[in-house]
Structure formats: structure tokens, C-alpha cells
C-alpha atoms as a PDB file:
ATOM      1  CA  UNK A   1     -34.825  -2.573   9.252  1.00  0.00           C
ATOM      2  CA  UNK A   2     -31.301  -3.927   9.692  1.00  0.00           C
ATOM      3  CA  UNK A   3     -28.669  -2.318   7.512  1.00  0.00           C
ATOM      4  CA  UNK A   4     -27.108  -4.765   5.015  1.00  0.00           C
ATOM      5  CA  UNK A   5     -23.442  -5.594   5.667  1.00  0.00           C
ATOM      6  CA  UNK A   6     -20.635  -3.893   3.795  1.00  0.00           C
ATOM      7  CA  UNK A   7     -19.164  -6.073   1.058  1.00  0.00           C
ATOM      8  CA  UNK A   8     -15.474  -6.372   0.235  1.00  0.00           C
ATOM      9  CA  UNK A   9     -13.286  -8.613  -1.874  1.00  0.00           C
ATOM     10  CA  UNK A  10     -10.766  -9.074   0.965  1.00  0.00           C
ATOM     11  CA  UNK A  11     -10.470  -8.098   4.631  1.00  0.00           C
ATOM     12  CA  UNK A  12      -7.141  -8.150   6.489  1.00  0.00           C
ATOM     13  CA  UNK A  13      -7.070  -8.056  10.301  1.00  0.00           C
ATOM     14  CA  UNK A  14      -4.240  -8.773  12.718  1.00  0.00           C
ATOM     15  CA  UNK A  15      -3.265  -8.678  16.382  1.00  0.00           C
ATOM     16  CA  UNK A  16      -6.632  -9.467  17.952  1.00  0.00           C
ATOM     17  CA  UNK A  17      -4.852 -11.138  20.901  1.00  0.00           C
ATOM     18  CA  UNK A  18      -7.673 -13.455  21.925  1.00  0.00           C
ATOM     19  CA  UNK A  19      -7.057 -14.754  25.430  1.00  0.00           C
ATOM     20  CA  UNK A  20      -6.057 -11.390  26.883  1.00  0.00           C
ATOM     21  CA  UNK A  21      -8.069  -8.981  28.983  1.00  0.00           C
ATOM     22  CA  UNK A  22      -7.217  -6.041  26.750  1.00  0.00           C
ATOM     23  CA  UNK A  23      -8.529  -7.663  23.564  1.00  0.00           C
ATOM     24  CA  UNK A  24     -11.451  -5.674  22.103  1.00  0.00           C
ATOM     25  CA  UNK A  25     -13.152  -8.841  20.947  1.00  0.00           C
ATOM     26  CA  UNK A  26     -16.729  -7.503  21.051  1.00  0.00           C
ATOM     27  CA  UNK A  27     -15.779  -4.787  18.596  1.00  0.00           C
ATOM     28  CA  UNK A  28     -13.951  -7.283  16.364  1.00  0.00           C
ATOM     29  CA  UNK A  29     -17.002  -9.576  16.273  1.00  0.00           C
ATOM     30  CA  UNK A  30     -19.296  -6.627  15.534  1.00  0.00           C
ATOM     31  CA  UNK A  31     -17.060  -5.604  12.629  1.00  0.00           C
ATOM     32  CA  UNK A  32     -17.021  -9.116  11.147  1.00  0.00           C
ATOM     33  CA  UNK A  33     -20.781  -9.592  11.589  1.00  0.00           C
ATOM     34  CA  UNK A  34     -21.472  -6.421   9.645  1.00  0.00           C
ATOM     35  CA  UNK A  35     -19.106  -7.121   6.760  1.00  0.00           C
ATOM     36  CA  UNK A  36     -18.888  -9.768   4.044  1.00  0.00           C
ATOM     37  CA  UNK A  37     -15.884 -10.741   1.965  1.00  0.00           C
ATOM     38  CA  UNK A  38     -14.621 -13.430  -0.379  1.00  0.00           C
ATOM     39  CA  UNK A  39     -11.363 -13.805   1.558  1.00  0.00           C
ATOM     40  CA  UNK A  40     -10.555 -13.079   5.201  1.00  0.00           C
ATOM     41  CA  UNK A  41      -6.858 -12.775   6.074  1.00  0.00           C
ATOM     42  CA  UNK A  42      -6.006 -13.237   9.762  1.00  0.00           C
ATOM     43  CA  UNK A  43      -2.507 -11.774   9.786  1.00  0.00           C
ATOM     44  CA  UNK A  44      -0.978 -13.139  12.984  1.00  0.00           C
ATOM     45  CA  UNK A  45      -1.392 -12.827  16.751  1.00  0.00           C
ATOM     46  CA  UNK A  46      -5.092 -13.632  16.529  1.00  0.00           C
ATOM     47  CA  UNK A  47      -4.690 -15.896  19.566  1.00  0.00           C
ATOM     48  CA  UNK A  48      -2.195 -14.787  22.225  1.00  0.00           C
ATOM     49  CA  UNK A  49      -0.444 -18.026  23.175  1.00  0.00           C
ATOM     50  CA  UNK A  50       2.122 -16.176  25.305  1.00  0.00           C
ATOM     51  CA  UNK A  51      -0.476 -14.803  27.706  1.00  0.00           C
ATOM     52  CA  UNK A  52      -2.553 -17.982  27.741  1.00  0.00           C
ATOM     53  CA  UNK A  53       0.583 -19.865  28.708  1.00  0.00           C
ATOM     54  CA  UNK A  54       0.900 -17.549  31.717  1.00  0.00           C
ATOM     55  CA  UNK A  55      -2.633 -18.076  32.970  1.00  0.00           C
ATOM     56  CA  UNK A  56      -4.521 -15.434  31.009  1.00  0.00           C
ATOM     57  CA  UNK A  57      -8.297 -15.899  30.781  1.00  0.00           C
ATOM     58  CA  UNK A  58     -10.170 -17.218  27.741  1.00  0.00           C
ATOM     59  CA  UNK A  59     -13.748 -15.923  27.718  1.00  0.00           C
ATOM     60  CA  UNK A  60     -16.988 -16.854  25.976  1.00  0.00           C
ATOM     61  CA  UNK A  61     -16.560 -13.820  23.717  1.00  0.00           C
ATOM     62  CA  UNK A  62     -13.215 -15.164  22.521  1.00  0.00           C
ATOM     63  CA  UNK A  63     -14.894 -18.455  21.639  1.00  0.00           C
ATOM     64  CA  UNK A  64     -17.639 -16.532  19.798  1.00  0.00           C
ATOM     65  CA  UNK A  65     -14.989 -14.898  17.598  1.00  0.00           C
ATOM     66  CA  UNK A  66     -13.564 -18.273  16.538  1.00  0.00           C
ATOM     67  CA  UNK A  67     -17.027 -19.799  16.154  1.00  0.00           C
ATOM     68  CA  UNK A  68     -18.202 -16.936  13.938  1.00  0.00           C
ATOM     69  CA  UNK A  69     -15.327 -17.471  11.505  1.00  0.00           C
ATOM     70  CA  UNK A  70     -15.778 -21.249  11.460  1.00  0.00           C
ATOM     71  CA  UNK A  71     -19.499 -20.823  10.708  1.00  0.00           C
ATOM     72  CA  UNK A  72     -18.681 -18.475   7.833  1.00  0.00           C
ATOM     73  CA  UNK A  73     -16.252 -21.077   6.461  1.00  0.00           C
ATOM     74  CA  UNK A  74     -18.868 -23.816   6.748  1.00  0.00           C
ATOM     75  CA  UNK A  75     -21.928 -21.946   5.453  1.00  0.00           C
ATOM     76  CA  UNK A  76     -20.496 -19.361   3.096  1.00  0.00           C
ATOM     77  CA  UNK A  77     -17.394 -21.255   1.967  1.00  0.00           C
ATOM     78  CA  UNK A  78     -15.335 -18.249   3.035  1.00  0.00           C
ATOM     79  CA  UNK A  79     -11.661 -18.388   2.025  1.00  0.00           C
ATOM     80  CA  UNK A  80      -9.653 -17.816   5.233  1.00  0.00           C
ATOM     81  CA  UNK A  81      -5.879 -17.390   5.368  1.00  0.00           C
ATOM     82  CA  UNK A  82      -4.341 -17.516   8.851  1.00  0.00           C
ATOM     83  CA  UNK A  83      -0.736 -16.330   9.097  1.00  0.00           C
ATOM     84  CA  UNK A  84       1.511 -17.217  11.999  1.00  0.00           C
ATOM     85  CA  UNK A  85       2.416 -14.380  14.348  1.00  0.00           C
ATOM     86  CA  UNK A  86       4.929 -14.266  17.174  1.00  0.00           C
ATOM     87  CA  UNK A  87       2.282 -14.688  19.904  1.00  0.00           C
ATOM     88  CA  UNK A  88       0.842 -17.744  18.143  1.00  0.00           C
ATOM     89  CA  UNK A  89       4.253 -19.012  16.991  1.00  0.00           C
ATOM     90  CA  UNK A  90       3.474 -22.581  18.072  1.00  0.00           C
ATOM     91  CA  UNK A  91       1.858 -22.898  14.639  1.00  0.00           C
ATOM     92  CA  UNK A  92       5.280 -22.648  12.961  1.00  0.00           C
ATOM     93  CA  UNK A  93       5.904 -26.315  13.817  1.00  0.00           C
ATOM     94  CA  UNK A  94       3.068 -27.447  11.560  1.00  0.00           C
ATOM     95  CA  UNK A  95       3.104 -25.028   8.616  1.00  0.00           C
ATOM     96  CA  UNK A  96       1.778 -25.042   6.014  1.00  0.00           C
ATOM     97  CA  UNK A  97      -1.640 -26.590   6.730  1.00  0.00           C
ATOM     98  CA  UNK A  98      -4.909 -26.584   4.825  1.00  0.00           C
ATOM     99  CA  UNK A  99      -8.390 -27.614   5.956  1.00  0.00           C
ATOM    100  CA  UNK A 100     -10.940 -27.050   3.201  1.00  0.00           C
ATOM    101  CA  UNK A 101     -11.007 -23.287   2.595  1.00  0.00           C
ATOM    102  CA  UNK A 102      -8.864 -22.548   5.680  1.00  0.00           C
ATOM    103  CA  UNK A 103      -5.116 -22.187   5.044  1.00  0.00           C
ATOM    104  CA  UNK A 104      -2.512 -21.643   7.766  1.00  0.00           C
ATOM    105  CA  UNK A 105       0.772 -20.317   6.363  1.00  0.00           C
ATOM    106  CA  UNK A 106       3.892 -18.319   7.112  1.00  0.00           C
ATOM    107  CA  UNK A 107       3.287 -15.765   4.347  1.00  0.00           C
ATOM    108  CA  UNK A 108       1.687 -15.539   0.908  1.00  0.00           C
ATOM    109  CA  UNK A 109       1.351 -13.323  -2.141  1.00  0.00           C
ATOM    110  CA  UNK A 110      -1.980 -11.543  -2.481  1.00  0.00           C
ATOM    111  CA  UNK A 111      -2.823 -10.997  -6.134  1.00  0.00           C
ATOM    112  CA  UNK A 112      -4.884  -7.840  -6.583  1.00  0.00           C
ATOM    113  CA  UNK A 113      -5.940  -5.800  -9.618  1.00  0.00           C
ATOM    114  CA  UNK A 114      -3.796  -3.049  -8.061  1.00  0.00           C
ATOM    115  CA  UNK A 115      -0.686  -5.243  -7.824  1.00  0.00           C
ATOM    116  CA  UNK A 116       1.040  -8.102  -6.006  1.00  0.00           C
ATOM    117  CA  UNK A 117       1.352  -7.760  -2.225  1.00  0.00           C
ATOM    118  CA  UNK A 118       3.559  -9.752   0.114  1.00  0.00           C
ATOM    119  CA  UNK A 119       1.440 -10.569   3.176  1.00  0.00           C
ATOM    120  CA  UNK A 120       3.149 -11.573   6.449  1.00  0.00           C
ATOM    121  CA  UNK A 121       2.848 -10.783  10.140  1.00  0.00           C
ATOM    122  CA  UNK A 122       6.154  -8.904  10.232  1.00  0.00           C
ATOM    123  CA  UNK A 123       7.944 -10.250  13.299  1.00  0.00           C
ATOM    124  CA  UNK A 124      10.610 -11.766  11.028  1.00  0.00           C
ATOM    125  CA  UNK A 125      12.382  -8.378  11.225  1.00  0.00           C
ATOM    126  CA  UNK A 126      11.921  -7.878  14.969  1.00  0.00           C
ATOM    127  CA  UNK A 127      15.346  -8.912  16.305  1.00  0.00           C
ATOM    128  CA  UNK A 128      14.211  -8.870  19.944  1.00  0.00           C
ATOM    129  CA  UNK A 129      11.275 -11.171  19.214  1.00  0.00           C
ATOM    130  CA  UNK A 130      13.421 -13.559  17.158  1.00  0.00           C
ATOM    131  CA  UNK A 131      16.728 -13.550  19.055  1.00  0.00           C
ATOM    132  CA  UNK A 132      16.089 -12.353  22.611  1.00  0.00           C
ATOM    133  CA  UNK A 133      13.023 -14.281  23.735  1.00  0.00           C
ATOM    134  CA  UNK A 134      13.391 -13.288  27.404  1.00  0.00           C
ATOM    135  CA  UNK A 135      13.424  -9.584  26.522  1.00  0.00           C
ATOM    136  CA  UNK A 136      10.461 -10.079  24.195  1.00  0.00           C
ATOM    137  CA  UNK A 137       8.422 -11.639  27.010  1.00  0.00           C
ATOM    138  CA  UNK A 138       9.567  -8.919  29.423  1.00  0.00           C
ATOM    139  CA  UNK A 139       8.446  -6.277  26.952  1.00  0.00           C
ATOM    140  CA  UNK A 140       5.159  -8.107  26.520  1.00  0.00           C
ATOM    141  CA  UNK A 141       4.624  -8.023  30.288  1.00  0.00           C
ATOM    142  CA  UNK A 142       5.323  -4.278  30.297  1.00  0.00           C
ATOM    143  CA  UNK A 143       2.878  -3.732  27.434  1.00  0.00           C
ATOM    144  CA  UNK A 144       0.244  -5.770  29.273  1.00  0.00           C
ATOM    145  CA  UNK A 145       0.684  -3.588  32.367  1.00  0.00           C
ATOM    146  CA  UNK A 146       0.498  -0.425  30.270  1.00  0.00           C
ATOM    147  CA  UNK A 147      -2.672  -1.618  28.572  1.00  0.00           C
ATOM    148  CA  UNK A 148      -4.259  -2.466  31.929  1.00  0.00           C
ATOM    149  CA  UNK A 149      -3.471   1.056  33.085  1.00  0.00           C
ATOM    150  CA  UNK A 150      -4.826   2.337  29.784  1.00  0.00           C
ATOM    151  CA  UNK A 151      -8.091   0.431  30.290  1.00  0.00           C
ATOM    152  CA  UNK A 152      -8.663   1.862  33.784  1.00  0.00           C
ATOM    153  CA  UNK A 153      -7.720   5.345  32.624  1.00  0.00           C
ATOM    154  CA  UNK A 154     -10.202   5.275  29.738  1.00  0.00           C
ATOM    155  CA  UNK A 155     -13.005   3.962  31.911  1.00  0.00           C
ATOM    156  CA  UNK A 156     -12.336   7.002  34.072  1.00  0.00           C
ATOM    157  CA  UNK A 157     -12.438   9.235  30.971  1.00  0.00           C
ATOM    158  CA  UNK A 158     -15.677   7.568  29.827  1.00  0.00           C
ATOM    159  CA  UNK A 159     -17.149   8.235  33.277  1.00  0.00           C
ATOM    160  CA  UNK A 160     -16.288  11.908  32.755  1.00  0.00           C
ATOM    161  CA  UNK A 161     -17.749  11.898  29.239  1.00  0.00           C
ATOM    162  CA  UNK A 162     -14.355  12.076  27.504  1.00  0.00           C
ATOM    163  CA  UNK A 163     -13.323  10.218  24.345  1.00  0.00           C
ATOM    164  CA  UNK A 164     -10.818   7.342  24.231  1.00  0.00           C
ATOM    165  CA  UNK A 165      -7.173   8.312  24.672  1.00  0.00           C
ATOM    166  CA  UNK A 166      -4.236   5.960  24.049  1.00  0.00           C
ATOM    167  CA  UNK A 167      -1.547   6.142  26.719  1.00  0.00           C
ATOM    168  CA  UNK A 168       0.722   3.744  24.848  1.00  0.00           C
ATOM    169  CA  UNK A 169       0.572   5.723  21.594  1.00  0.00           C
ATOM    170  CA  UNK A 170       1.319   8.923  23.473  1.00  0.00           C
ATOM    171  CA  UNK A 171       4.340   7.351  25.125  1.00  0.00           C
ATOM    172  CA  UNK A 172       5.597   5.678  21.931  1.00  0.00           C
ATOM    173  CA  UNK A 173       5.310   8.953  20.015  1.00  0.00           C
ATOM    174  CA  UNK A 174       7.635  10.606  22.546  1.00  0.00           C
ATOM    175  CA  UNK A 175      10.264   7.844  22.654  1.00  0.00           C
ATOM    176  CA  UNK A 176      12.808   8.279  19.868  1.00  0.00           C
ATOM    177  CA  UNK A 177      13.848   4.610  19.938  1.00  0.00           C
ATOM    178  CA  UNK A 178      10.262   3.515  19.294  1.00  0.00           C
ATOM    179  CA  UNK A 179       9.928   5.923  16.364  1.00  0.00           C
ATOM    180  CA  UNK A 180      13.220   4.687  14.886  1.00  0.00           C
ATOM    181  CA  UNK A 181      12.160   1.054  15.309  1.00  0.00           C
ATOM    182  CA  UNK A 182       8.909   1.593  13.404  1.00  0.00           C
ATOM    183  CA  UNK A 183      10.751   3.383  10.608  1.00  0.00           C
ATOM    184  CA  UNK A 184      13.346   0.593  10.320  1.00  0.00           C
ATOM    185  CA  UNK A 185      10.610  -2.065  10.432  1.00  0.00           C
ATOM    186  CA  UNK A 186       8.734  -0.455   7.541  1.00  0.00           C
ATOM    187  CA  UNK A 187      11.874  -0.054   5.444  1.00  0.00           C
ATOM    188  CA  UNK A 188      12.983  -3.682   5.878  1.00  0.00           C
ATOM    189  CA  UNK A 189       9.571  -5.079   4.996  1.00  0.00           C
ATOM    190  CA  UNK A 190       9.267  -3.004   1.833  1.00  0.00           C
ATOM    191  CA  UNK A 191      12.742  -4.152   0.749  1.00  0.00           C
ATOM    192  CA  UNK A 192      11.708  -7.772   1.285  1.00  0.00           C
ATOM    193  CA  UNK A 193       8.564  -7.210  -0.774  1.00  0.00           C
ATOM    194  CA  UNK A 194      10.640  -5.698  -3.556  1.00  0.00           C
ATOM    195  CA  UNK A 195      13.009  -8.691  -3.484  1.00  0.00           C
ATOM    196  CA  UNK A 196       9.983 -10.991  -3.831  1.00  0.00           C
ATOM    197  CA  UNK A 197       8.852  -9.115  -6.934  1.00  0.00           C
ATOM    198  CA  UNK A 198       5.887  -7.414  -5.256  1.00  0.00           C
ATOM    199  CA  UNK A 199       4.475  -3.912  -5.529  1.00  0.00           C
ATOM    200  CA  UNK A 200       3.701  -3.676  -1.821  1.00  0.00           C
ATOM    201  CA  UNK A 201       3.555  -5.337   1.576  1.00  0.00           C
ATOM    202  CA  UNK A 202       0.688  -5.946   4.037  1.00  0.00           C
ATOM    203  CA  UNK A 203       1.638  -6.692   7.644  1.00  0.00           C
ATOM    204  CA  UNK A 204       0.730  -6.266  11.322  1.00  0.00           C
ATOM    205  CA  UNK A 205       2.807  -6.932  14.460  1.00  0.00           C
ATOM    206  CA  UNK A 206       3.705  -3.416  15.663  1.00  0.00           C
ATOM    207  CA  UNK A 207       0.116  -2.261  16.374  1.00  0.00           C
ATOM    208  CA  UNK A 208       0.617   0.818  14.218  1.00  0.00           C
ATOM    209  CA  UNK A 209      -1.861   1.088  11.319  1.00  0.00           C
ATOM    210  CA  UNK A 210      -0.416   2.647   8.186  1.00  0.00           C
ATOM    211  CA  UNK A 211      -0.997   3.120   4.477  1.00  0.00           C
ATOM    212  CA  UNK A 212       1.812   4.933   2.710  1.00  0.00           C
ATOM    213  CA  UNK A 213       4.051   4.918  -0.301  1.00  0.00           C
ATOM    214  CA  UNK A 214       7.729   4.152   0.349  1.00  0.00           C
ATOM    215  CA  UNK A 215       9.578   4.780  -2.875  1.00  0.00           C
ATOM    216  CA  UNK A 216       8.030   2.547  -5.523  1.00  0.00           C
ATOM    217  CA  UNK A 217       6.406   0.251  -2.969  1.00  0.00           C
ATOM    218  CA  UNK A 218       3.266   0.579  -0.892  1.00  0.00           C
ATOM    219  CA  UNK A 219       3.381  -0.247   2.827  1.00  0.00           C
ATOM    220  CA  UNK A 220       0.159  -1.228   4.606  1.00  0.00           C
ATOM    221  CA  UNK A 221      -0.183  -2.224   8.254  1.00  0.00           C
ATOM    222  CA  UNK A 222      -3.567  -3.434   9.519  1.00  0.00           C
ATOM    223  CA  UNK A 223      -2.943  -2.219  13.086  1.00  0.00           C
ATOM    224  CA  UNK A 224      -4.614  -4.181  15.894  1.00  0.00           C
ATOM    225  CA  UNK A 225      -7.784  -4.910  17.869  1.00  0.00           C
ATOM    226  CA  UNK A 226      -6.397  -3.830  21.226  1.00  0.00           C
ATOM    227  CA  UNK A 227      -6.115  -0.075  20.690  1.00  0.00           C
ATOM    228  CA  UNK A 228      -6.284   1.033  17.057  1.00  0.00           C
ATOM    229  CA  UNK A 229      -9.244  -1.200  16.146  1.00  0.00           C
ATOM    230  CA  UNK A 230      -8.382  -1.097  12.471  1.00  0.00           C
ATOM    231  CA  UNK A 231      -8.293  -3.315   9.395  1.00  0.00           C
ATOM    232  CA  UNK A 232      -7.300  -3.211   5.749  1.00  0.00           C
ATOM    233  CA  UNK A 233     -10.063  -3.754   3.211  1.00  0.00           C
ATOM    234  CA  UNK A 234      -9.984  -4.339  -0.530  1.00  0.00           C
ATOM    235  CA  UNK A 235     -12.941  -3.493  -2.736  1.00  0.00           C
ATOM    236  CA  UNK A 236     -13.902  -5.355  -5.903  1.00  0.00           C
ATOM    237  CA  UNK A 237     -11.840  -3.016  -8.087  1.00  0.00           C
ATOM    238  CA  UNK A 238      -8.704  -3.907  -6.122  1.00  0.00           C
ATOM    239  CA  UNK A 239      -8.441  -0.671  -4.155  1.00  0.00           C
ATOM    240  CA  UNK A 240      -6.850  -1.217  -0.734  1.00  0.00           C
ATOM    241  CA  UNK A 241      -7.195   1.047   2.290  1.00  0.00           C
ATOM    242  CA  UNK A 242      -7.403   1.303   6.058  1.00  0.00           C
ATOM    243  CA  UNK A 243     -10.702   1.272   7.911  1.00  0.00           C
ATOM    244  CA  UNK A 244     -11.112   2.258  11.568  1.00  0.00           C
ATOM    245  CA  UNK A 245     -13.800   0.860  13.841  1.00  0.00           C
ATOM    246  CA  UNK A 246     -14.505   4.329  15.245  1.00  0.00           C
ATOM    247  CA  UNK A 247     -15.724   5.346  11.769  1.00  0.00           C
ATOM    248  CA  UNK A 248     -17.348   2.004  10.980  1.00  0.00           C
ATOM    249  CA  UNK A 249     -19.413   2.039  14.180  1.00  0.00           C
ATOM    250  CA  UNK A 250     -21.010   5.348  13.215  1.00  0.00           C
ATOM    251  CA  UNK A 251     -22.740   3.534  10.346  1.00  0.00           C
ATOM    252  CA  UNK A 252     -23.154   0.235  12.221  1.00  0.00           C
ATOM    253  CA  UNK A 253     -23.655   1.257  15.869  1.00  0.00           C
ATOM    254  CA  UNK A 254     -23.272  -1.141  18.761  1.00  0.00           C
ATOM    255  CA  UNK A 255     -24.306  -0.870  22.376  1.00  0.00           C
ATOM    256  CA  UNK A 256     -21.465   0.067  24.689  1.00  0.00           C
ATOM    257  CA  UNK A 257     -21.238  -0.374  28.429  1.00  0.00           C
ATOM    258  CA  UNK A 258     -19.364   2.585  29.858  1.00  0.00           C
ATOM    259  CA  UNK A 259     -20.093   1.947  33.509  1.00  0.00           C
ATOM    260  CA  UNK A 260     -17.061   2.339  35.752  1.00  0.00           C
ATOM    261  CA  UNK A 261     -16.646   0.457  38.986  1.00  0.00           C
ATOM    262  CA  UNK A 262     -15.658   2.554  42.002  1.00  0.00           C
ATOM    263  CA  UNK A 263     -12.656   0.330  42.680  1.00  0.00           C
ATOM    264  CA  UNK A 264     -11.308   0.963  39.165  1.00  0.00           C
ATOM    265  CA  UNK A 265     -11.757   4.707  39.560  1.00  0.00           C
ATOM    266  CA  UNK A 266      -9.851   4.555  42.813  1.00  0.00           C
ATOM    267  CA  UNK A 267      -7.043   2.632  41.070  1.00  0.00           C
ATOM    268  CA  UNK A 268      -6.746   5.373  38.439  1.00  0.00           C
ATOM    269  CA  UNK A 269      -6.713   8.141  41.035  1.00  0.00           C
ATOM    270  CA  UNK A 270      -4.095   6.277  43.102  1.00  0.00           C
ATOM    271  CA  UNK A 271      -1.874   5.813  40.038  1.00  0.00           C
ATOM    272  CA  UNK A 272      -2.202   9.510  39.206  1.00  0.00           C
ATOM    273  CA  UNK A 273      -1.330  10.470  42.777  1.00  0.00           C
ATOM    274  CA  UNK A 274       1.734   8.205  42.641  1.00  0.00           C
ATOM    275  CA  UNK A 275       2.891   9.944  39.455  1.00  0.00           C
ATOM    276  CA  UNK A 276       2.465   6.858  37.255  1.00  0.00           C
ATOM    277  CA  UNK A 277       0.263   8.791  34.831  1.00  0.00           C
ATOM    278  CA  UNK A 278       2.292  11.650  33.262  1.00  0.00           C
ATOM    279  CA  UNK A 279       1.081  15.112  34.235  1.00  0.00           C
ATOM    280  CA  UNK A 280       0.363  16.192  30.651  1.00  0.00           C
ATOM    281  CA  UNK A 281      -1.856  13.152  30.192  1.00  0.00           C
ATOM    282  CA  UNK A 282      -3.619  13.825  33.513  1.00  0.00           C
ATOM    283  CA  UNK A 283      -4.431  17.299  32.195  1.00  0.00           C
ATOM    284  CA  UNK A 284      -6.142  15.738  29.148  1.00  0.00           C
ATOM    285  CA  UNK A 285      -8.480  13.856  31.471  1.00  0.00           C
END
């Protein structure tokens, strides 16, 4: 007998990056199919317009993700709020828009029994994204390369029976500038929320899930569906919290294909031999 879906008042997801090879769209669809909510908030970068503009591939699975949400809107009258991100910034020309129960906006205030939360993607405080577009695209290319390397590396680990390991998180944790950027990002967003008369902020953008108190304000980041595979959920009493797919899938399992092609294994081994995978990370494999 199929397990009934988990029910929430609100679900917040961000940074799915449909249209990219590194998008974990099957997991995102599985999560949505096994949950129900009154409101679904798509907090930016759901579709990656930057990569699509550079010839990235759109797959049937990406279409399934969009179709699933549209069907929920049609049949269940689901309230969907889509917020503009930096990778789908073309939407900024047309905001705000409303089609039935689908709203597309820049930001909004989420009224919860636990308080008022400013909800926005978060790139408004990323000076590189806003003011140095060339550098932003260059950084995006570097991230894409790192994630491709990460994908090959984890297929190799899966072949060896090892659990998933994030190369990008390991590198970011060791780079002081990245740590300082995240800290500054969180501080600026909480100050904006305070100025808007809110008790907290809910955002995405930096692919770093978080739920913490910063002074009198609460900072929540829904993470992403590239690496973290995380979301923010609100129950019917107004309690907000992070949920990770790795925990969710234990209760709602899905079939996973962990086969590794020989060519991809060879790519990983060649990269390791060339020193492109740090030695301490090689040891973890």
C-alpha cells in the first residue's frame, strides 16, 4: 500500500536550475509528488536561463517538473508563488504577474502564525551578480565545471559503495572569502527584513541551506536542488524548518541508478592523476 503524502501548510524550494545537467530534477519531482501543501513557493532560479542561453539541454524530466506543478494548480487549486532569481532574471521585465492561483513576483511577505517573513531570492545583495555581469557569468561557468567534476567523482564513489560527497562545499568551507561572503549575505538580508517590519527572512541563491537566529531575526535559506537537495516547510501550526531529501527519501524511497560508465570512471581517474582533485579529497574516496 502506497504511503500517503506528507502534508504541509507551505513548502519553499529554490535553485532547482532546470535546463542544466547538474539539476537533480528526479529527486525534486519525487519530493513534490510525495508532499501536499496549500502554498508552494518557488524562490528563484527554478529555470536556469543563463545556461539555456548557452546551449544547455532541456530534458523530458525538466518538462515533467513544470507539468507536475501546473497540474497541481489546475486540479488542486494550489497557490503557487514564483519569485524571480538571477538565473531567471528575464522575468523582471514583466513583474508582477498573476495567472489564477499562480503569482510571479519580486518578493512578498509570508504571514505565518510564527511571524512575518520577508521572502526573496537574495541576489539583490550579491554585488557581483548585480553589477559585474561578466564576472557573474564567469563564476557560473566555473561552478558548472566544478559540478560536472563533482558528478563524475560521486559516480565513482557510488561505484565503490561510498556515500555522496560535495566537492564544492569542501572547497567553499576552506576559502575564507566564500565564508565571509555568506556571513555578509545573511547579515544584509536580516537587516532588510527588519527594515520591512518582519521577524525573519526566507531566501535561496547561495546554495547554502540554513535555519538560525541572528539577533532578534530568524534567517532561513532553502538551499538548492543541485547539491543540498533541501527545502523549507511550514506545518499547520506555523512552525518552519529545513527538510533534506536524504532524510525524506528514507521514508519515501525512490529507485536510484548508480551505474557508472567506464568512460566517466576514466575521466575521474585522469583528473585525479592530473592533480585536479585535491589529495585530501582523493583519500576520502
